[in-house]
Each structure stands twice: as C-alpha cells, then as structure tokens.
C-alpha cells in the first residue's frame, strides 16, 4: 500500500473568504518509506500552487533524508596522522566530517550528508552519485 501524504488548508469562520489567511499543515513524514501518494485538499483554487510547492518541498526533504541514510550505510571512519577522526562516504566528494573521537566524527556525518545533498539538489548540480538505487539527479 502506498502511504498517503495529506495537505489541508484551514479557514477562519470570522473572516470573509476574500480575506482568508491560509494556514497549511502537512502530515508527518516520519516512517514513510518508498513512494508516497500525494493528496491535496484545498478550499479554493488560488491556494493550490502554494500547497503543491509545500508538498514538493516536504517530499524532496524526505528523499534527501533517505539518500543520506543510505549513504551512511557506506560510510567509513578513519584516523589521520594528527589524531583527528574523519568520516566520509567514498564518491561523495566534499561531504565529510571530522572529530576528536570516532564517535564525534560519526555523529556529525548524517547532518553533513543531508546538508551536502540538499545543496546539490537545490542547485541542480546533476552530479549526485546514485546510492543504493536512489538517484536524486532527476529532481
């Protein structure tokens, strides 16, 4: 079964429709794996483009999280001559962490991989290596 991502808008009853502020809420994406079915619920047609952008952003962030988690399964940690620990994923040039301990370098790497990947996706670099079948170059 494909998980659903629901997006809905709410309106205040004390404000005329023409002056309605839009407050949008997105269901939690925690625990969703694989493809998701996007369900948009809108009170007016004019609010649809904003909702689509919010869903696209949330879905992109989820894909980047999955990519970073997959990359972490290929991470390696090693100690350099000055005693510093380095964490990296071979092939993800420029995405690495360092720390005074192995634990510190390992703990920093997931956030660095997420930020590195999100930067690449936002800038449409087109050179993001495929990891475990996840290809973000199509975003």
N, C-alpha and C. Protein backbone atom coordinates (compact mmCIF):
# COMPACT_ATOMS: atom_id res chain seq x y z
N UNK A 1 0.84 -1.18 0.00
CA UNK A 1 0.00 0.00 0.00
C UNK A 1 0.88 1.24 0.00
N UNK A 2 0.56 2.20 -0.84
CA UNK A 2 1.32 3.44 -0.93
C UNK A 2 0.89 4.37 0.19
N UNK A 3 1.85 4.87 1.01
CA UNK A 3 1.48 5.79 2.07
C UNK A 3 0.93 7.09 1.49
N UNK A 4 0.06 7.72 2.23
CA UNK A 4 -0.53 8.98 1.77
C UNK A 4 0.07 10.15 2.52
N UNK A 5 0.29 11.22 1.82
CA UNK A 5 0.72 12.47 2.42
C UNK A 5 -0.43 13.43 2.20
N UNK A 6 -1.04 13.89 3.27
CA UNK A 6 -2.19 14.77 3.14
C UNK A 6 -1.82 16.19 3.47
N UNK A 7 -2.34 17.10 2.71
CA UNK A 7 -2.11 18.51 2.92
C UNK A 7 -3.47 19.17 2.95
N UNK A 8 -3.73 19.95 3.98
CA UNK A 8 -5.04 20.60 4.05
C UNK A 8 -4.87 22.04 4.47
N UNK A 9 -5.85 22.86 4.08
CA UNK A 9 -5.85 24.25 4.48
C UNK A 9 -7.03 24.48 5.40
N UNK A 10 -6.87 25.40 6.33
CA UNK A 10 -7.96 25.70 7.25
C UNK A 10 -8.32 27.18 7.13
N UNK A 11 -9.57 27.47 7.31
CA UNK A 11 -10.05 28.85 7.21
C UNK A 11 -10.68 29.28 8.53
N UNK A 12 -10.60 30.55 8.82
CA UNK A 12 -11.27 31.11 10.00
C UNK A 12 -12.69 31.49 9.63
N UNK A 13 -13.64 31.12 10.46
CA UNK A 13 -15.04 31.39 10.16
C UNK A 13 -15.42 32.85 10.34
N UNK A 14 -14.61 33.63 11.08
CA UNK A 14 -14.95 35.02 11.34
C UNK A 14 -14.37 35.99 10.30
N UNK A 15 -13.73 35.47 9.26
CA UNK A 15 -13.11 36.31 8.24
C UNK A 15 -13.76 36.00 6.89
N UNK A 16 -14.13 37.05 6.12
CA UNK A 16 -14.71 36.80 4.79
C UNK A 16 -13.75 36.00 3.92
N UNK A 17 -14.30 35.19 3.00
CA UNK A 17 -13.48 34.32 2.15
C UNK A 17 -12.37 35.07 1.42
N UNK A 18 -12.66 36.26 0.92
CA UNK A 18 -11.66 37.02 0.15
C UNK A 18 -10.44 37.40 0.99
N UNK A 19 -10.61 37.46 2.32
CA UNK A 19 -9.51 37.88 3.19
C UNK A 19 -8.93 36.71 3.99
N UNK A 20 -9.28 35.50 3.63
CA UNK A 20 -8.86 34.34 4.40
C UNK A 20 -7.34 34.15 4.37
N UNK A 21 -6.74 34.09 5.55
CA UNK A 21 -5.33 33.68 5.57
C UNK A 21 -5.31 32.17 5.38
N UNK A 22 -4.26 31.68 4.79
CA UNK A 22 -4.15 30.24 4.60
C UNK A 22 -3.12 29.70 5.58
N UNK A 23 -3.54 28.75 6.37
CA UNK A 23 -2.63 28.06 7.28
C UNK A 23 -2.62 26.61 6.82
N UNK A 24 -1.48 26.13 6.44
CA UNK A 24 -1.37 24.80 5.85
C UNK A 24 -0.67 23.87 6.81
N UNK A 25 -1.17 22.66 6.92
CA UNK A 25 -0.49 21.67 7.75
C UNK A 25 -0.20 20.44 6.91
N UNK A 26 0.95 19.84 7.12
CA UNK A 26 1.37 18.66 6.38
C UNK A 26 1.51 17.52 7.36
N UNK A 27 0.92 16.38 7.04
CA UNK A 27 1.03 15.24 7.93
C UNK A 27 2.49 14.83 8.06
N UNK A 28 2.83 14.20 9.15
CA UNK A 28 4.21 13.80 9.42
C UNK A 28 4.71 12.82 8.38
N UNK A 29 5.94 12.99 7.96
CA UNK A 29 6.55 12.09 7.00
C UNK A 29 7.39 11.02 7.70
N UNK A 30 7.45 11.06 9.04
CA UNK A 30 8.25 10.08 9.76
C UNK A 30 7.73 8.68 9.49
N UNK A 31 8.63 7.79 9.18
CA UNK A 31 8.26 6.41 8.98
C UNK A 31 7.81 6.06 7.58
N UNK A 32 7.65 7.04 6.71
CA UNK A 32 7.23 6.75 5.34
C UNK A 32 8.46 6.34 4.55
N UNK A 33 8.37 5.19 3.92
CA UNK A 33 9.45 4.75 3.06
C UNK A 33 8.88 4.43 1.70
N UNK A 34 9.68 4.55 0.69
CA UNK A 34 9.22 4.27 -0.66
C UNK A 34 8.37 5.39 -1.21
N UNK A 35 7.70 5.11 -2.34
CA UNK A 35 6.89 6.15 -2.97
C UNK A 35 5.67 6.49 -2.12
N UNK A 36 5.26 7.72 -2.20
CA UNK A 36 4.09 8.16 -1.44
C UNK A 36 3.06 8.74 -2.38
N UNK A 37 1.80 8.58 -2.04
CA UNK A 37 0.71 9.17 -2.81
C UNK A 37 0.42 10.53 -2.20
N UNK A 38 0.41 11.57 -3.02
CA UNK A 38 0.17 12.92 -2.53
C UNK A 38 -1.31 13.25 -2.68
N UNK A 39 -1.94 13.66 -1.60
CA UNK A 39 -3.34 14.03 -1.64
C UNK A 39 -3.44 15.49 -1.23
N UNK A 40 -3.95 16.34 -2.11
CA UNK A 40 -4.08 17.75 -1.84
C UNK A 40 -5.54 18.08 -1.56
N UNK A 41 -5.78 18.80 -0.49
CA UNK A 41 -7.13 19.23 -0.14
C UNK A 41 -7.10 20.75 -0.03
N UNK A 42 -7.93 21.43 -0.80
CA UNK A 42 -7.90 22.89 -0.84
C UNK A 42 -9.29 23.46 -0.72
N UNK A 43 -9.36 24.66 -0.16
CA UNK A 43 -10.65 25.31 -0.07
C UNK A 43 -10.92 26.15 -1.32
N UNK A 44 -9.86 26.62 -1.99
CA UNK A 44 -10.04 27.40 -3.22
C UNK A 44 -8.93 27.04 -4.19
N UNK A 45 -9.15 27.27 -5.46
CA UNK A 45 -8.16 27.00 -6.50
C UNK A 45 -6.92 27.87 -6.34
N UNK A 46 -7.06 29.09 -5.83
CA UNK A 46 -5.93 30.01 -5.76
C UNK A 46 -4.86 29.55 -4.79
N UNK A 47 -5.19 28.70 -3.86
CA UNK A 47 -4.22 28.27 -2.86
C UNK A 47 -3.48 27.01 -3.29
N UNK A 48 -3.88 26.38 -4.39
CA UNK A 48 -3.29 25.12 -4.83
C UNK A 48 -1.80 25.22 -5.15
N UNK A 49 -1.32 26.23 -5.89
CA UNK A 49 0.12 26.27 -6.20
C UNK A 49 0.99 26.30 -4.95
N UNK A 50 0.58 27.04 -3.92
CA UNK A 50 1.34 27.09 -2.69
C UNK A 50 1.39 25.72 -2.04
N UNK A 51 0.26 25.05 -2.00
CA UNK A 51 0.19 23.73 -1.39
C UNK A 51 1.08 22.74 -2.14
N UNK A 52 1.05 22.78 -3.44
CA UNK A 52 1.89 21.87 -4.23
C UNK A 52 3.37 22.10 -3.94
N UNK A 53 3.77 23.36 -3.81
CA UNK A 53 5.17 23.65 -3.50
C UNK A 53 5.54 23.10 -2.13
N UNK A 54 4.64 23.22 -1.16
CA UNK A 54 4.92 22.72 0.18
C UNK A 54 5.04 21.20 0.19
N UNK A 55 4.18 20.54 -0.55
CA UNK A 55 4.25 19.09 -0.64
C UNK A 55 5.54 18.68 -1.34
N UNK A 56 5.87 19.35 -2.43
CA UNK A 56 7.10 19.05 -3.16
C UNK A 56 8.32 19.24 -2.27
N UNK A 57 8.34 20.29 -1.49
CA UNK A 57 9.47 20.55 -0.58
C UNK A 57 9.57 19.44 0.46
N UNK A 58 8.45 19.09 1.07
CA UNK A 58 8.45 18.04 2.09
C UNK A 58 8.88 16.70 1.49
N UNK A 59 8.39 16.39 0.31
CA UNK A 59 8.74 15.12 -0.33
C UNK A 59 10.22 15.11 -0.72
N UNK A 60 10.74 16.23 -1.22
CA UNK A 60 12.16 16.33 -1.56
C UNK A 60 13.01 16.13 -0.31
N UNK A 61 12.62 16.76 0.79
CA UNK A 61 13.37 16.59 2.04
C UNK A 61 13.37 15.13 2.48
N UNK A 62 12.24 14.45 2.32
CA UNK A 62 12.16 13.04 2.69
C UNK A 62 13.09 12.21 1.81
N UNK A 63 13.11 12.48 0.51
CA UNK A 63 14.01 11.76 -0.39
C UNK A 63 15.47 11.99 -0.03
N UNK A 64 15.80 13.23 0.32
CA UNK A 64 17.18 13.55 0.71
C UNK A 64 17.53 12.84 2.02
N UNK A 65 16.60 12.79 2.96
CA UNK A 65 16.84 12.04 4.21
C UNK A 65 17.11 10.57 3.91
N UNK A 66 16.31 9.98 3.03
CA UNK A 66 16.51 8.57 2.66
C UNK A 66 17.86 8.38 2.00
N UNK A 67 18.24 9.32 1.13
CA UNK A 67 19.53 9.25 0.44
C UNK A 67 20.67 9.32 1.47
N UNK A 68 20.59 10.26 2.40
CA UNK A 68 21.64 10.41 3.42
C UNK A 68 21.73 9.15 4.28
N UNK A 69 20.59 8.56 4.63
CA UNK A 69 20.60 7.33 5.43
C UNK A 69 21.25 6.19 4.64
N UNK A 70 20.94 6.10 3.35
CA UNK A 70 21.56 5.07 2.51
C UNK A 70 23.07 5.30 2.40
N UNK A 71 23.47 6.54 2.25
CA UNK A 71 24.90 6.87 2.16
C UNK A 71 25.62 6.50 3.45
N UNK A 72 24.95 6.69 4.59
CA UNK A 72 25.57 6.36 5.88
C UNK A 72 25.91 4.87 5.96
N UNK A 73 25.18 4.02 5.28
CA UNK A 73 25.49 2.60 5.29
C UNK A 73 26.82 2.31 4.58
N UNK A 74 27.31 3.28 3.82
CA UNK A 74 28.58 3.12 3.10
C UNK A 74 29.69 3.99 3.71
N UNK A 75 29.41 4.58 4.85
CA UNK A 75 30.38 5.48 5.49
C UNK A 75 31.58 4.70 6.02
N UNK A 76 32.69 5.39 6.03
CA UNK A 76 33.88 4.81 6.65
C UNK A 76 34.50 5.87 7.55
N UNK A 77 35.07 5.41 8.63
CA UNK A 77 35.74 6.28 9.59
C UNK A 77 37.21 5.86 9.67
N UNK A 78 38.07 6.86 9.74
CA UNK A 78 39.49 6.55 9.87
C UNK A 78 40.18 7.70 10.60
N UNK A 79 41.34 7.38 11.13
CA UNK A 79 42.12 8.36 11.88
C UNK A 79 43.26 8.86 11.01
N UNK A 80 43.42 10.19 10.98
CA UNK A 80 44.51 10.78 10.21
C UNK A 80 45.72 10.99 11.14
N UNK A 81 46.91 11.22 10.56
CA UNK A 81 48.13 11.30 11.38
C UNK A 81 48.08 12.28 12.56
N UNK A 82 47.32 13.37 12.45
CA UNK A 82 47.29 14.32 13.57
C UNK A 82 46.37 13.85 14.71
N UNK A 83 45.75 12.67 14.55
CA UNK A 83 44.90 12.11 15.59
C UNK A 83 43.41 12.39 15.41
N UNK A 84 43.06 13.21 14.45
CA UNK A 84 41.66 13.55 14.18
C UNK A 84 40.98 12.37 13.49
N UNK A 85 39.71 12.15 13.82
CA UNK A 85 38.91 11.14 13.15
C UNK A 85 38.13 11.78 12.01
N UNK A 86 38.06 11.10 10.88
CA UNK A 86 37.35 11.59 9.70
C UNK A 86 36.29 10.57 9.31
N UNK A 87 35.09 11.07 8.98
CA UNK A 87 34.02 10.23 8.46
C UNK A 87 33.70 10.68 7.05
N UNK A 88 33.55 9.71 6.14
CA UNK A 88 33.26 10.06 4.75
C UNK A 88 32.55 8.90 4.06
N UNK A 89 31.98 9.22 2.92
CA UNK A 89 31.41 8.21 2.03
C UNK A 89 32.15 8.36 0.71
N UNK A 90 32.83 7.31 0.30
CA UNK A 90 33.60 7.35 -0.95
C UNK A 90 32.66 7.69 -2.10
N UNK A 91 33.06 8.67 -2.89
CA UNK A 91 32.27 9.09 -4.05
C UNK A 91 31.47 10.36 -3.80
N UNK A 92 31.25 10.70 -2.55
CA UNK A 92 30.53 11.94 -2.23
C UNK A 92 31.56 13.00 -1.88
N UNK A 93 32.23 13.48 -2.90
CA UNK A 93 33.32 14.43 -2.72
C UNK A 93 32.84 15.71 -2.04
N UNK A 94 33.53 16.08 -0.99
CA UNK A 94 33.21 17.31 -0.26
C UNK A 94 32.29 17.09 0.92
N UNK A 95 31.79 15.86 1.08
CA UNK A 95 30.91 15.55 2.22
C UNK A 95 31.70 14.69 3.19
N UNK A 96 32.19 15.30 4.25
CA UNK A 96 32.96 14.57 5.24
C UNK A 96 32.83 15.26 6.59
N UNK A 97 33.11 14.52 7.63
CA UNK A 97 33.07 15.09 8.98
C UNK A 97 34.39 14.79 9.65
N UNK A 98 34.66 15.54 10.71
CA UNK A 98 35.84 15.26 11.50
C UNK A 98 35.53 15.53 12.96
N UNK A 99 36.22 14.82 13.81
CA UNK A 99 36.02 14.98 15.24
C UNK A 99 37.22 14.49 16.01
N UNK A 100 37.25 14.82 17.27
CA UNK A 100 38.35 14.39 18.12
C UNK A 100 38.26 12.90 18.43
N UNK A 101 37.04 12.36 18.34
CA UNK A 101 36.85 10.93 18.58
C UNK A 101 36.10 10.31 17.40
N UNK A 102 36.14 9.00 17.33
CA UNK A 102 35.41 8.27 16.29
C UNK A 102 33.90 8.53 16.43
N UNK A 103 33.43 8.55 17.66
CA UNK A 103 32.01 8.79 17.93
C UNK A 103 31.58 10.18 17.45
N UNK A 104 32.40 11.17 17.71
CA UNK A 104 32.08 12.55 17.30
C UNK A 104 32.03 12.67 15.77
N UNK A 105 33.01 12.11 15.10
CA UNK A 105 33.04 12.16 13.62
C UNK A 105 31.83 11.43 13.04
N UNK A 106 31.48 10.30 13.64
CA UNK A 106 30.33 9.52 13.18
C UNK A 106 29.02 10.24 13.42
N UNK A 107 28.89 10.90 14.57
CA UNK A 107 27.65 11.61 14.92
C UNK A 107 27.39 12.82 14.02
N UNK A 108 28.44 13.45 13.53
CA UNK A 108 28.29 14.64 12.69
C UNK A 108 27.96 14.31 11.24
N UNK A 109 28.35 13.13 10.80
CA UNK A 109 28.24 12.79 9.38
C UNK A 109 26.82 12.79 8.82
N UNK A 110 25.79 12.27 9.50
CA UNK A 110 24.45 12.27 8.90
C UNK A 110 23.94 13.67 8.54
N UNK A 111 24.13 14.64 9.42
CA UNK A 111 23.69 16.01 9.14
C UNK A 111 24.50 16.62 7.99
N UNK A 112 25.76 16.32 7.94
CA UNK A 112 26.60 16.83 6.85
C UNK A 112 26.16 16.23 5.52
N UNK A 113 25.86 14.94 5.50
CA UNK A 113 25.39 14.30 4.27
C UNK A 113 24.06 14.89 3.83
N UNK A 114 23.16 15.14 4.77
CA UNK A 114 21.87 15.75 4.42
C UNK A 114 22.09 17.14 3.82
N UNK A 115 22.88 17.97 4.48
CA UNK A 115 23.12 19.34 4.00
C UNK A 115 23.83 19.33 2.64
N UNK A 116 24.83 18.48 2.48
CA UNK A 116 25.56 18.38 1.22
C UNK A 116 24.62 18.00 0.09
N UNK A 117 23.78 17.00 0.35
CA UNK A 117 22.85 16.51 -0.66
C UNK A 117 21.79 17.55 -0.99
N UNK A 118 21.23 18.20 0.03
CA UNK A 118 20.20 19.22 -0.20
C UNK A 118 20.79 20.37 -1.02
N UNK A 119 22.01 20.77 -0.73
CA UNK A 119 22.67 21.82 -1.51
C UNK A 119 22.77 21.42 -2.97
N UNK A 120 23.19 20.18 -3.22
CA UNK A 120 23.32 19.69 -4.60
C UNK A 120 21.96 19.67 -5.31
N UNK A 121 20.92 19.22 -4.60
CA UNK A 121 19.57 19.14 -5.20
C UNK A 121 19.05 20.53 -5.52
N UNK A 122 19.17 21.46 -4.57
CA UNK A 122 18.67 22.82 -4.76
C UNK A 122 19.35 23.50 -5.94
N UNK A 123 20.64 23.25 -6.10
CA UNK A 123 21.41 23.89 -7.17
C UNK A 123 21.41 23.09 -8.48
N UNK A 124 20.64 22.00 -8.52
CA UNK A 124 20.52 21.17 -9.72
C UNK A 124 21.90 20.83 -10.30
N UNK A 125 22.81 20.39 -9.42
CA UNK A 125 24.17 20.07 -9.86
C UNK A 125 24.20 18.95 -10.89
N UNK A 126 23.31 17.98 -10.76
CA UNK A 126 23.25 16.90 -11.73
C UNK A 126 24.37 15.88 -11.61
N UNK A 127 25.21 16.00 -10.58
CA UNK A 127 26.32 15.07 -10.44
C UNK A 127 26.28 14.33 -9.11
N UNK A 128 25.09 14.13 -8.57
CA UNK A 128 24.94 13.42 -7.30
C UNK A 128 25.04 11.92 -7.60
N UNK A 129 26.01 11.24 -6.98
CA UNK A 129 26.14 9.81 -7.23
C UNK A 129 24.89 9.04 -6.78
N UNK A 130 24.52 8.02 -7.53
CA UNK A 130 23.40 7.16 -7.15
C UNK A 130 23.87 6.28 -6.00
N UNK A 131 23.09 6.24 -4.92
CA UNK A 131 23.41 5.42 -3.76
C UNK A 131 22.25 4.47 -3.51
N UNK A 132 22.55 3.18 -3.49
CA UNK A 132 21.54 2.15 -3.25
C UNK A 132 20.29 2.34 -4.12
N UNK A 133 20.50 2.71 -5.36
CA UNK A 133 19.40 2.87 -6.30
C UNK A 133 18.66 4.19 -6.20
N UNK A 134 19.07 5.07 -5.31
CA UNK A 134 18.41 6.38 -5.15
C UNK A 134 19.14 7.39 -6.04
N UNK A 135 18.44 7.87 -7.05
CA UNK A 135 19.01 8.85 -7.99
C UNK A 135 18.28 10.18 -7.82
N UNK A 136 18.95 11.14 -7.20
CA UNK A 136 18.35 12.46 -6.95
C UNK A 136 18.60 13.44 -8.08
N UNK A 137 19.29 13.04 -9.11
CA UNK A 137 19.56 13.95 -10.23
C UNK A 137 18.32 14.26 -11.05
N UNK A 138 17.24 13.53 -10.83
CA UNK A 138 16.00 13.75 -11.57
C UNK A 138 15.11 14.80 -10.91
N UNK A 139 15.48 15.24 -9.72
CA UNK A 139 14.67 16.25 -9.01
C UNK A 139 14.87 17.62 -9.58
